[in-house]
Amino acid sequence: MLSRKKNVRVYDLVIKKFIKKLEAGVREVSSISIHPGGDNVIVGSKDGKLCWFDMDLSSKPYKVLRSHNKDITNVAFHSNYPLFASCSDDSTAYVFHGMVYSDLNQNPLIVPLEIYALFL
């Protein structure tokens, strides 16, 4: 994956081929994380939006979460559990339950779990 200012380009490096362009519709992409299953991507932006992409569905975001007031600095999927998190310049970190089902007819389940305030 290659991040541009407003989109993410997906490449297959084995066959050296461009696969698709994910249109985030945000001011500027700041961070990316790929689900361990490989078919879902979360993108954090500099305008506080978190975009969940299901690459099997569309090149547009499946869900856009407007959780942070300032720039998102990092997003990450947990490697073993159905969790993902985002942290921001507004000194908060959000933890979400993000269940991806093996049945392709069932959409991912996204549930906010916890907000952590980081004080320095």
N, C-alpha and C. Protein backbone atom coordinates (compact mmCIF):
# COMPACT_ATOMS: atom_id res chain seq x y z
N MET A 1 0.83 -1.17 0.00
CA MET A 1 0.00 0.00 0.00
C MET A 1 0.88 1.23 0.00
N LEU A 2 0.41 2.19 -0.72
CA LEU A 2 1.10 3.46 -0.83
C LEU A 2 0.10 4.55 -0.52
N SER A 3 0.44 5.40 0.42
CA SER A 3 -0.46 6.47 0.81
C SER A 3 -0.10 7.75 0.07
N ARG A 4 -1.10 8.36 -0.50
CA ARG A 4 -0.98 9.69 -1.08
C ARG A 4 -1.66 10.65 -0.12
N LYS A 5 -1.77 11.90 -0.50
CA LYS A 5 -2.37 12.88 0.40
C LYS A 5 -3.85 12.61 0.65
N LYS A 6 -4.60 12.21 -0.38
CA LYS A 6 -6.05 12.02 -0.25
C LYS A 6 -6.52 10.61 -0.53
N ASN A 7 -5.63 9.69 -0.93
CA ASN A 7 -6.05 8.34 -1.23
C ASN A 7 -4.95 7.34 -0.89
N VAL A 8 -5.30 6.07 -1.00
CA VAL A 8 -4.37 4.98 -0.74
C VAL A 8 -4.37 4.08 -1.96
N ARG A 9 -3.20 3.77 -2.46
CA ARG A 9 -3.08 2.90 -3.63
C ARG A 9 -2.63 1.53 -3.17
N VAL A 10 -3.29 0.50 -3.68
CA VAL A 10 -3.00 -0.89 -3.31
C VAL A 10 -2.29 -1.56 -4.47
N TYR A 11 -1.13 -2.14 -4.19
CA TYR A 11 -0.34 -2.85 -5.20
C TYR A 11 -0.12 -4.29 -4.77
N ASP A 12 -0.04 -5.19 -5.74
CA ASP A 12 0.39 -6.57 -5.51
C ASP A 12 1.85 -6.63 -5.91
N LEU A 13 2.73 -6.76 -4.93
CA LEU A 13 4.16 -6.71 -5.19
C LEU A 13 4.70 -8.00 -5.79
N VAL A 14 3.95 -9.10 -5.67
CA VAL A 14 4.40 -10.37 -6.24
C VAL A 14 4.31 -10.31 -7.77
N ILE A 15 3.17 -9.86 -8.27
CA ILE A 15 2.99 -9.78 -9.72
C ILE A 15 3.26 -8.37 -10.26
N LYS A 16 3.66 -7.46 -9.37
CA LYS A 16 4.00 -6.08 -9.71
C LYS A 16 2.87 -5.41 -10.51
N LYS A 17 1.70 -5.37 -9.86
CA LYS A 17 0.52 -4.84 -10.53
C LYS A 17 -0.26 -3.94 -9.58
N PHE A 18 -0.79 -2.84 -10.12
CA PHE A 18 -1.68 -1.95 -9.38
C PHE A 18 -3.03 -2.63 -9.24
N ILE A 19 -3.59 -2.68 -8.02
CA ILE A 19 -4.86 -3.36 -7.75
C ILE A 19 -6.02 -2.37 -7.72
N LYS A 20 -5.97 -1.40 -6.82
CA LYS A 20 -7.06 -0.42 -6.73
C LYS A 20 -6.63 0.81 -5.96
N LYS A 21 -7.43 1.86 -6.08
CA LYS A 21 -7.19 3.10 -5.36
C LYS A 21 -8.35 3.29 -4.39
N LEU A 22 -8.05 3.43 -3.11
CA LEU A 22 -9.05 3.66 -2.07
C LEU A 22 -9.20 5.17 -1.88
N GLU A 23 -10.42 5.67 -2.11
CA GLU A 23 -10.71 7.10 -1.99
C GLU A 23 -11.23 7.38 -0.57
N ALA A 24 -10.40 8.01 0.25
CA ALA A 24 -10.77 8.24 1.65
C ALA A 24 -11.70 9.44 1.80
N GLY A 25 -11.58 10.43 0.94
CA GLY A 25 -12.41 11.63 1.06
C GLY A 25 -12.08 12.47 2.28
N VAL A 26 -10.81 12.52 2.63
CA VAL A 26 -10.36 13.28 3.80
C VAL A 26 -9.39 14.36 3.34
N ARG A 27 -9.06 15.26 4.28
CA ARG A 27 -8.14 16.35 3.94
C ARG A 27 -6.75 15.81 3.62
N GLU A 28 -6.22 14.94 4.51
CA GLU A 28 -4.91 14.35 4.27
C GLU A 28 -4.78 13.07 5.09
N VAL A 29 -4.32 12.00 4.46
CA VAL A 29 -4.11 10.72 5.13
C VAL A 29 -2.89 10.84 6.04
N SER A 30 -3.03 10.37 7.30
CA SER A 30 -1.91 10.46 8.24
C SER A 30 -1.38 9.10 8.66
N SER A 31 -2.22 8.04 8.63
CA SER A 31 -1.77 6.72 9.06
C SER A 31 -2.66 5.64 8.46
N ILE A 32 -2.08 4.44 8.35
CA ILE A 32 -2.78 3.30 7.75
C ILE A 32 -2.47 2.07 8.57
N SER A 33 -3.46 1.17 8.69
CA SER A 33 -3.23 -0.14 9.28
C SER A 33 -4.04 -1.17 8.50
N ILE A 34 -3.44 -2.33 8.28
CA ILE A 34 -4.08 -3.41 7.53
C ILE A 34 -4.51 -4.50 8.50
N HIS A 35 -5.75 -4.97 8.38
CA HIS A 35 -6.27 -6.05 9.22
C HIS A 35 -5.44 -7.30 8.98
N PRO A 36 -5.22 -8.13 10.02
CA PRO A 36 -4.45 -9.36 9.82
C PRO A 36 -5.02 -10.28 8.73
N GLY A 37 -6.33 -10.20 8.48
CA GLY A 37 -6.93 -11.00 7.41
C GLY A 37 -6.60 -10.47 6.02
N GLY A 38 -6.23 -9.19 5.93
CA GLY A 38 -5.79 -8.60 4.68
C GLY A 38 -6.84 -7.91 3.85
N ASP A 39 -8.13 -8.10 4.12
CA ASP A 39 -9.17 -7.51 3.28
C ASP A 39 -9.76 -6.23 3.82
N ASN A 40 -9.33 -5.79 4.99
CA ASN A 40 -9.85 -4.57 5.61
C ASN A 40 -8.69 -3.66 5.98
N VAL A 41 -8.94 -2.35 5.83
CA VAL A 41 -7.91 -1.33 6.08
C VAL A 41 -8.56 -0.20 6.86
N ILE A 42 -7.84 0.34 7.85
CA ILE A 42 -8.28 1.57 8.49
C ILE A 42 -7.28 2.67 8.15
N VAL A 43 -7.83 3.86 7.93
CA VAL A 43 -7.02 5.02 7.54
C VAL A 43 -7.36 6.16 8.49
N GLY A 44 -6.35 6.75 9.11
CA GLY A 44 -6.52 7.93 9.94
C GLY A 44 -6.19 9.17 9.13
N SER A 45 -6.83 10.28 9.47
CA SER A 45 -6.62 11.50 8.68
C SER A 45 -6.24 12.67 9.57
N LYS A 46 -5.78 13.73 8.92
CA LYS A 46 -5.39 14.94 9.64
C LYS A 46 -6.58 15.81 10.00
N ASP A 47 -7.80 15.43 9.64
CA ASP A 47 -8.98 16.17 10.08
C ASP A 47 -9.79 15.38 11.11
N GLY A 48 -9.19 14.36 11.73
CA GLY A 48 -9.83 13.64 12.83
C GLY A 48 -10.78 12.54 12.41
N LYS A 49 -10.80 12.17 11.14
CA LYS A 49 -11.70 11.11 10.67
C LYS A 49 -10.94 9.79 10.58
N LEU A 50 -11.65 8.72 10.93
CA LEU A 50 -11.13 7.37 10.83
C LEU A 50 -11.98 6.62 9.82
N CYS A 51 -11.38 6.15 8.74
CA CYS A 51 -12.12 5.47 7.67
C CYS A 51 -11.81 3.99 7.68
N TRP A 52 -12.86 3.17 7.67
CA TRP A 52 -12.73 1.71 7.57
C TRP A 52 -13.07 1.31 6.15
N PHE A 53 -12.15 0.62 5.49
CA PHE A 53 -12.36 0.13 4.14
C PHE A 53 -12.50 -1.38 4.15
N ASP A 54 -13.54 -1.89 3.52
CA ASP A 54 -13.65 -3.31 3.21
C ASP A 54 -13.31 -3.42 1.73
N MET A 55 -12.13 -3.92 1.41
CA MET A 55 -11.65 -3.87 0.04
C MET A 55 -12.43 -4.78 -0.90
N ASP A 56 -13.20 -5.72 -0.35
CA ASP A 56 -14.05 -6.56 -1.20
C ASP A 56 -15.31 -5.82 -1.63
N LEU A 57 -15.74 -4.81 -0.85
CA LEU A 57 -16.98 -4.10 -1.16
C LEU A 57 -16.79 -2.97 -2.16
N SER A 58 -15.91 -2.02 -1.83
CA SER A 58 -15.84 -0.80 -2.63
C SER A 58 -14.51 -0.09 -2.41
N SER A 59 -14.24 0.89 -3.25
CA SER A 59 -13.06 1.73 -3.05
C SER A 59 -13.39 2.94 -2.18
N LYS A 60 -14.65 3.08 -1.78
CA LYS A 60 -15.09 4.12 -0.85
C LYS A 60 -15.13 3.52 0.55
N PRO A 61 -15.03 4.34 1.60
CA PRO A 61 -15.05 3.80 2.96
C PRO A 61 -16.37 3.12 3.30
N TYR A 62 -16.26 1.98 4.00
CA TYR A 62 -17.46 1.30 4.51
C TYR A 62 -18.05 2.14 5.64
N LYS A 63 -17.20 2.69 6.49
CA LYS A 63 -17.64 3.48 7.65
C LYS A 63 -16.63 4.59 7.89
N VAL A 64 -17.13 5.79 8.18
CA VAL A 64 -16.29 6.92 8.55
C VAL A 64 -16.66 7.32 9.97
N LEU A 65 -15.69 7.25 10.87
CA LEU A 65 -15.91 7.60 12.28
C LEU A 65 -15.27 8.95 12.54
N ARG A 66 -16.06 9.89 13.03
CA ARG A 66 -15.56 11.22 13.37
C ARG A 66 -15.40 11.30 14.89
N SER A 67 -14.36 10.69 15.38
CA SER A 67 -14.22 10.56 16.82
C SER A 67 -13.28 11.61 17.42
N HIS A 68 -12.25 12.01 16.73
CA HIS A 68 -11.25 12.92 17.28
C HIS A 68 -11.49 14.36 16.82
N ASN A 69 -11.07 15.30 17.66
CA ASN A 69 -11.19 16.72 17.34
C ASN A 69 -10.00 17.26 16.57
N LYS A 70 -8.85 16.61 16.70
CA LYS A 70 -7.62 17.05 16.03
C LYS A 70 -7.08 15.93 15.16
N ASP A 71 -5.85 16.11 14.66
CA ASP A 71 -5.23 15.15 13.75
C ASP A 71 -5.07 13.79 14.40
N ILE A 72 -5.40 12.74 13.65
CA ILE A 72 -5.12 11.37 14.08
C ILE A 72 -3.66 11.09 13.77
N THR A 73 -2.91 10.65 14.77
CA THR A 73 -1.48 10.42 14.58
C THR A 73 -1.16 8.97 14.26
N ASN A 74 -1.98 8.02 14.73
CA ASN A 74 -1.70 6.61 14.47
C ASN A 74 -2.97 5.78 14.60
N VAL A 75 -3.06 4.74 13.79
CA VAL A 75 -4.13 3.75 13.88
C VAL A 75 -3.48 2.38 13.85
N ALA A 76 -4.12 1.39 14.51
CA ALA A 76 -3.53 0.05 14.55
C ALA A 76 -4.59 -1.00 14.83
N PHE A 77 -4.46 -2.14 14.14
CA PHE A 77 -5.26 -3.33 14.44
C PHE A 77 -4.48 -4.18 15.43
N HIS A 78 -5.18 -4.86 16.32
CA HIS A 78 -4.54 -5.84 17.20
C HIS A 78 -4.29 -7.10 16.39
N SER A 79 -3.17 -7.75 16.62
CA SER A 79 -2.82 -8.92 15.81
C SER A 79 -3.62 -10.17 16.14
N ASN A 80 -4.15 -10.28 17.38
CA ASN A 80 -4.87 -11.51 17.77
C ASN A 80 -6.35 -11.30 18.07
N TYR A 81 -6.70 -10.15 18.62
CA TYR A 81 -8.08 -9.90 19.03
C TYR A 81 -8.78 -8.97 18.03
N PRO A 82 -10.12 -9.00 18.01
CA PRO A 82 -10.85 -8.11 17.08
C PRO A 82 -10.94 -6.69 17.62
N LEU A 83 -9.79 -6.06 17.78
CA LEU A 83 -9.71 -4.71 18.32
C LEU A 83 -8.88 -3.83 17.39
N PHE A 84 -9.22 -2.54 17.37
CA PHE A 84 -8.35 -1.57 16.72
C PHE A 84 -8.41 -0.28 17.51
N ALA A 85 -7.40 0.55 17.32
CA ALA A 85 -7.29 1.78 18.12
C ALA A 85 -6.82 2.93 17.24
N SER A 86 -7.13 4.14 17.72
CA SER A 86 -6.63 5.35 17.08
C SER A 86 -6.21 6.32 18.18
N CYS A 87 -5.16 7.07 17.91
CA CYS A 87 -4.74 8.10 18.85
C CYS A 87 -4.57 9.41 18.10
N SER A 88 -4.67 10.51 18.85
CA SER A 88 -4.78 11.81 18.21
C SER A 88 -3.96 12.86 18.95
N ASP A 89 -3.80 13.99 18.27
CA ASP A 89 -3.14 15.15 18.88
C ASP A 89 -4.00 15.79 19.96
N ASP A 90 -5.27 15.40 20.08
CA ASP A 90 -6.13 15.95 21.13
C ASP A 90 -5.95 15.19 22.45
N SER A 91 -4.89 14.39 22.55
CA SER A 91 -4.51 13.64 23.77
C SER A 91 -5.54 12.59 24.15
N THR A 92 -6.18 11.96 23.17
CA THR A 92 -7.09 10.86 23.43
C THR A 92 -6.73 9.67 22.55
N ALA A 93 -7.05 8.50 23.07
CA ALA A 93 -6.91 7.25 22.31
C ALA A 93 -8.25 6.53 22.39
N TYR A 94 -8.76 6.11 21.27
CA TYR A 94 -10.03 5.39 21.19
C TYR A 94 -9.74 3.93 20.87
N VAL A 95 -10.43 3.04 21.58
CA VAL A 95 -10.33 1.61 21.32
C VAL A 95 -11.69 1.13 20.84
N PHE A 96 -11.70 0.37 19.74
CA PHE A 96 -12.92 -0.13 19.12
C PHE A 96 -12.86 -1.65 19.01
N HIS A 97 -14.04 -2.25 19.09
CA HIS A 97 -14.19 -3.66 18.73
C HIS A 97 -14.51 -3.67 17.23
N GLY A 98 -13.70 -4.36 16.45
CA GLY A 98 -13.91 -4.42 15.00
C GLY A 98 -13.91 -5.85 14.54
N MET A 99 -15.09 -6.47 14.54
CA MET A 99 -15.20 -7.88 14.18
C MET A 99 -15.38 -8.03 12.67
N VAL A 100 -14.50 -8.80 12.06
CA VAL A 100 -14.60 -9.12 10.63
C VAL A 100 -15.03 -10.57 10.53
N TYR A 101 -16.13 -10.80 9.81
CA TYR A 101 -16.69 -12.14 9.68
C TYR A 101 -16.14 -12.84 8.44
N SER A 102 -16.04 -14.17 8.51
CA SER A 102 -15.58 -14.93 7.35
C SER A 102 -16.66 -15.02 6.28
N ASP A 103 -17.94 -14.84 6.66
CA ASP A 103 -19.04 -14.82 5.72
C ASP A 103 -19.02 -13.48 4.97
N LEU A 104 -18.84 -13.51 3.66
CA LEU A 104 -18.72 -12.28 2.89
C LEU A 104 -20.02 -11.49 2.80
N ASN A 105 -21.15 -12.11 3.13
CA ASN A 105 -22.43 -11.41 3.09
C ASN A 105 -22.68 -10.58 4.34
N GLN A 106 -21.85 -10.76 5.36
CA GLN A 106 -22.04 -10.05 6.63
C GLN A 106 -21.00 -8.93 6.75
N ASN A 107 -21.48 -7.73 6.98
CA ASN A 107 -20.60 -6.56 7.10
C ASN A 107 -19.83 -6.60 8.42
N PRO A 108 -18.66 -5.94 8.48
CA PRO A 108 -17.90 -5.87 9.72
C PRO A 108 -18.70 -5.16 10.82
N LEU A 109 -18.49 -5.58 12.06
CA LEU A 109 -19.15 -4.98 13.22
C LEU A 109 -18.14 -4.05 13.90
N ILE A 110 -18.51 -2.78 14.04
CA ILE A 110 -17.62 -1.79 14.66
C ILE A 110 -18.34 -1.18 15.85
N VAL A 111 -17.76 -1.36 17.05
CA VAL A 111 -18.36 -0.88 18.29
C VAL A 111 -17.31 -0.12 19.09
N PRO A 112 -17.55 1.16 19.44
CA PRO A 112 -16.60 1.87 20.30
C PRO A 112 -16.61 1.28 21.71
N LEU A 113 -15.42 1.08 22.27
CA LEU A 113 -15.31 0.47 23.60
C LEU A 113 -14.86 1.44 24.68
N GLU A 114 -13.77 2.13 24.43
CA GLU A 114 -13.16 2.92 25.50
C GLU A 114 -12.48 4.16 24.93
N ILE A 115 -12.50 5.24 25.71
CA ILE A 115 -11.77 6.45 25.38
C ILE A 115 -10.77 6.70 26.50
N TYR A 116 -9.51 6.82 26.13
CA TYR A 116 -8.47 7.08 27.12
C TYR A 116 -7.97 8.50 26.92
N ALA A 117 -7.94 9.27 28.00
CA ALA A 117 -7.39 10.62 27.97
C ALA A 117 -5.93 10.54 28.41
N LEU A 118 -5.06 11.02 27.58
CA LEU A 118 -3.62 10.97 27.86
C LEU A 118 -3.17 12.33 28.36
N PHE A 119 -2.67 12.36 29.56
CA PHE A 119 -2.20 13.61 30.14
C PHE A 119 -0.70 13.57 30.25
N LEU A 120 -0.07 14.62 29.79
CA LEU A 120 1.41 14.68 29.84
C LEU A 120 1.88 15.64 30.90
